[in-house]
Amino acid sequence: MSFTTYYMHLIFANIPSLFSSDLILYILPVLTVSILFFSFKIMFYKAPKLRGAK
């Protein structure tokens, strides 16, 4: 078991049974896409303006 898989197992093992496994399958992709969206937004729209080379 890899390092990341081990910690994900610890995190998801502590989630109470109120969350079904189906709910996790819907939340994780939405979370991933939102993180990617905000990362690209910060990189392209809020990046510091660089001076052009002379």
N, C-alpha and C. Protein backbone atom coordinates (compact mmCIF):
# COMPACT_ATOMS: atom_id res chain seq x y z
N MET A 1 0.85 -1.18 0.00
CA MET A 1 0.00 0.00 0.00
C MET A 1 0.90 1.24 0.00
N SER A 2 0.58 2.15 -0.87
CA SER A 2 1.42 3.34 -0.98
C SER A 2 1.12 4.33 0.15
N PHE A 3 1.97 5.32 0.25
CA PHE A 3 1.87 6.34 1.30
C PHE A 3 0.52 7.07 1.22
N THR A 4 0.15 7.50 0.00
CA THR A 4 -1.10 8.24 -0.18
C THR A 4 -2.31 7.36 0.10
N THR A 5 -2.27 6.13 -0.39
CA THR A 5 -3.39 5.22 -0.18
C THR A 5 -3.60 4.94 1.30
N TYR A 6 -2.50 4.84 2.04
CA TYR A 6 -2.59 4.59 3.47
C TYR A 6 -3.31 5.73 4.19
N TYR A 7 -2.93 6.97 3.87
CA TYR A 7 -3.56 8.10 4.55
C TYR A 7 -5.00 8.30 4.09
N MET A 8 -5.29 8.04 2.81
CA MET A 8 -6.68 8.12 2.36
C MET A 8 -7.53 7.06 3.06
N HIS A 9 -6.94 5.88 3.29
CA HIS A 9 -7.65 4.83 4.01
C HIS A 9 -7.95 5.27 5.44
N LEU A 10 -6.99 5.91 6.09
CA LEU A 10 -7.22 6.41 7.45
C LEU A 10 -8.32 7.46 7.48
N ILE A 11 -8.29 8.37 6.50
CA ILE A 11 -9.30 9.44 6.46
C ILE A 11 -10.69 8.86 6.23
N PHE A 12 -10.82 7.98 5.22
CA PHE A 12 -12.15 7.46 4.89
C PHE A 12 -12.64 6.43 5.89
N ALA A 13 -11.73 5.79 6.62
CA ALA A 13 -12.16 4.84 7.64
C ALA A 13 -12.79 5.56 8.82
N ASN A 14 -12.40 6.83 9.04
CA ASN A 14 -12.94 7.58 10.18
C ASN A 14 -14.23 8.32 9.84
N ILE A 15 -14.63 8.31 8.57
CA ILE A 15 -15.90 8.95 8.21
C ILE A 15 -17.03 8.07 8.73
N PRO A 16 -17.97 8.66 9.43
CA PRO A 16 -19.08 7.85 9.96
C PRO A 16 -19.91 7.23 8.83
N SER A 17 -20.67 6.22 9.17
CA SER A 17 -21.43 5.49 8.16
C SER A 17 -22.63 6.29 7.64
N LEU A 18 -22.79 7.53 8.09
CA LEU A 18 -23.86 8.38 7.55
C LEU A 18 -23.62 8.64 6.06
N PHE A 19 -22.34 8.70 5.68
CA PHE A 19 -22.00 8.89 4.28
C PHE A 19 -21.89 7.52 3.62
N SER A 20 -22.67 7.32 2.58
CA SER A 20 -22.54 6.07 1.86
C SER A 20 -21.37 6.16 0.89
N SER A 21 -20.94 5.03 0.40
CA SER A 21 -19.82 5.05 -0.55
C SER A 21 -20.23 5.73 -1.85
N ASP A 22 -21.52 5.71 -2.18
CA ASP A 22 -21.99 6.40 -3.39
C ASP A 22 -21.81 7.90 -3.26
N LEU A 23 -22.03 8.42 -2.08
CA LEU A 23 -21.87 9.86 -1.87
C LEU A 23 -20.42 10.29 -2.07
N ILE A 24 -19.48 9.48 -1.62
CA ILE A 24 -18.07 9.79 -1.81
C ILE A 24 -17.72 9.79 -3.29
N LEU A 25 -18.33 8.88 -4.05
CA LEU A 25 -18.07 8.82 -5.49
C LEU A 25 -18.55 10.08 -6.20
N TYR A 26 -19.56 10.75 -5.65
CA TYR A 26 -20.03 12.00 -6.25
C TYR A 26 -19.24 13.21 -5.76
N ILE A 27 -18.82 13.19 -4.50
CA ILE A 27 -18.16 14.36 -3.91
C ILE A 27 -16.72 14.49 -4.41
N LEU A 28 -15.98 13.40 -4.49
CA LEU A 28 -14.57 13.47 -4.88
C LEU A 28 -14.34 14.07 -6.27
N PRO A 29 -15.07 13.66 -7.31
CA PRO A 29 -14.86 14.31 -8.61
C PRO A 29 -15.23 15.79 -8.59
N VAL A 30 -16.29 16.16 -7.90
CA VAL A 30 -16.68 17.56 -7.81
C VAL A 30 -15.60 18.37 -7.10
N LEU A 31 -15.06 17.82 -6.04
CA LEU A 31 -13.98 18.49 -5.31
C LEU A 31 -12.73 18.64 -6.18
N THR A 32 -12.41 17.59 -6.91
CA THR A 32 -11.24 17.63 -7.79
C THR A 32 -11.39 18.67 -8.89
N VAL A 33 -12.55 18.69 -9.53
CA VAL A 33 -12.79 19.65 -10.61
C VAL A 33 -12.79 21.07 -10.08
N SER A 34 -13.35 21.29 -8.90
CA SER A 34 -13.37 22.65 -8.35
C SER A 34 -11.97 23.12 -7.98
N ILE A 35 -11.13 22.24 -7.44
CA ILE A 35 -9.75 22.60 -7.13
C ILE A 35 -9.00 22.94 -8.41
N LEU A 36 -9.18 22.14 -9.46
CA LEU A 36 -8.53 22.44 -10.74
C LEU A 36 -9.00 23.77 -11.30
N PHE A 37 -10.30 24.03 -11.23
CA PHE A 37 -10.85 25.27 -11.75
C PHE A 37 -10.26 26.48 -11.04
N PHE A 38 -10.23 26.44 -9.72
CA PHE A 38 -9.69 27.57 -8.97
C PHE A 38 -8.18 27.72 -9.18
N SER A 39 -7.49 26.60 -9.37
CA SER A 39 -6.05 26.68 -9.64
C SER A 39 -5.79 27.38 -10.97
N PHE A 40 -6.53 26.99 -12.01
CA PHE A 40 -6.36 27.63 -13.31
C PHE A 40 -6.78 29.08 -13.27
N LYS A 41 -7.82 29.37 -12.51
CA LYS A 41 -8.28 30.76 -12.39
C LYS A 41 -7.20 31.63 -11.76
N ILE A 42 -6.58 31.13 -10.71
CA ILE A 42 -5.52 31.90 -10.05
C ILE A 42 -4.30 32.02 -10.96
N MET A 43 -3.96 30.93 -11.67
CA MET A 43 -2.77 30.96 -12.52
C MET A 43 -2.91 31.95 -13.68
N PHE A 44 -4.10 31.98 -14.31
CA PHE A 44 -4.23 32.75 -15.53
C PHE A 44 -4.83 34.14 -15.33
N TYR A 45 -5.66 34.31 -14.32
CA TYR A 45 -6.34 35.60 -14.17
C TYR A 45 -5.75 36.47 -13.07
N LYS A 46 -5.20 35.86 -12.04
CA LYS A 46 -4.67 36.64 -10.93
C LYS A 46 -3.16 36.56 -10.83
N ALA A 47 -2.52 36.07 -11.89
CA ALA A 47 -1.07 35.96 -11.87
C ALA A 47 -0.45 37.36 -11.96
N PRO A 48 0.67 37.56 -11.32
CA PRO A 48 1.31 38.88 -11.41
C PRO A 48 1.76 39.13 -12.85
N LYS A 49 1.58 40.37 -13.27
CA LYS A 49 1.96 40.73 -14.63
C LYS A 49 3.47 40.88 -14.71
N LEU A 50 4.05 40.19 -15.66
CA LEU A 50 5.50 40.23 -15.81
C LEU A 50 5.88 41.28 -16.86
N ARG A 51 7.01 41.91 -16.62
CA ARG A 51 7.49 42.89 -17.59
C ARG A 51 8.06 42.19 -18.80
N GLY A 52 7.81 42.72 -19.98
CA GLY A 52 8.33 42.10 -21.20
C GLY A 52 9.84 42.28 -21.31
N ALA A 53 10.47 41.34 -21.93
CA ALA A 53 11.92 41.41 -22.13
C ALA A 53 12.24 42.47 -23.18
N LYS A 54 13.32 43.21 -22.95
CA LYS A 54 13.69 44.25 -23.92
C LYS A 54 14.72 43.73 -24.91
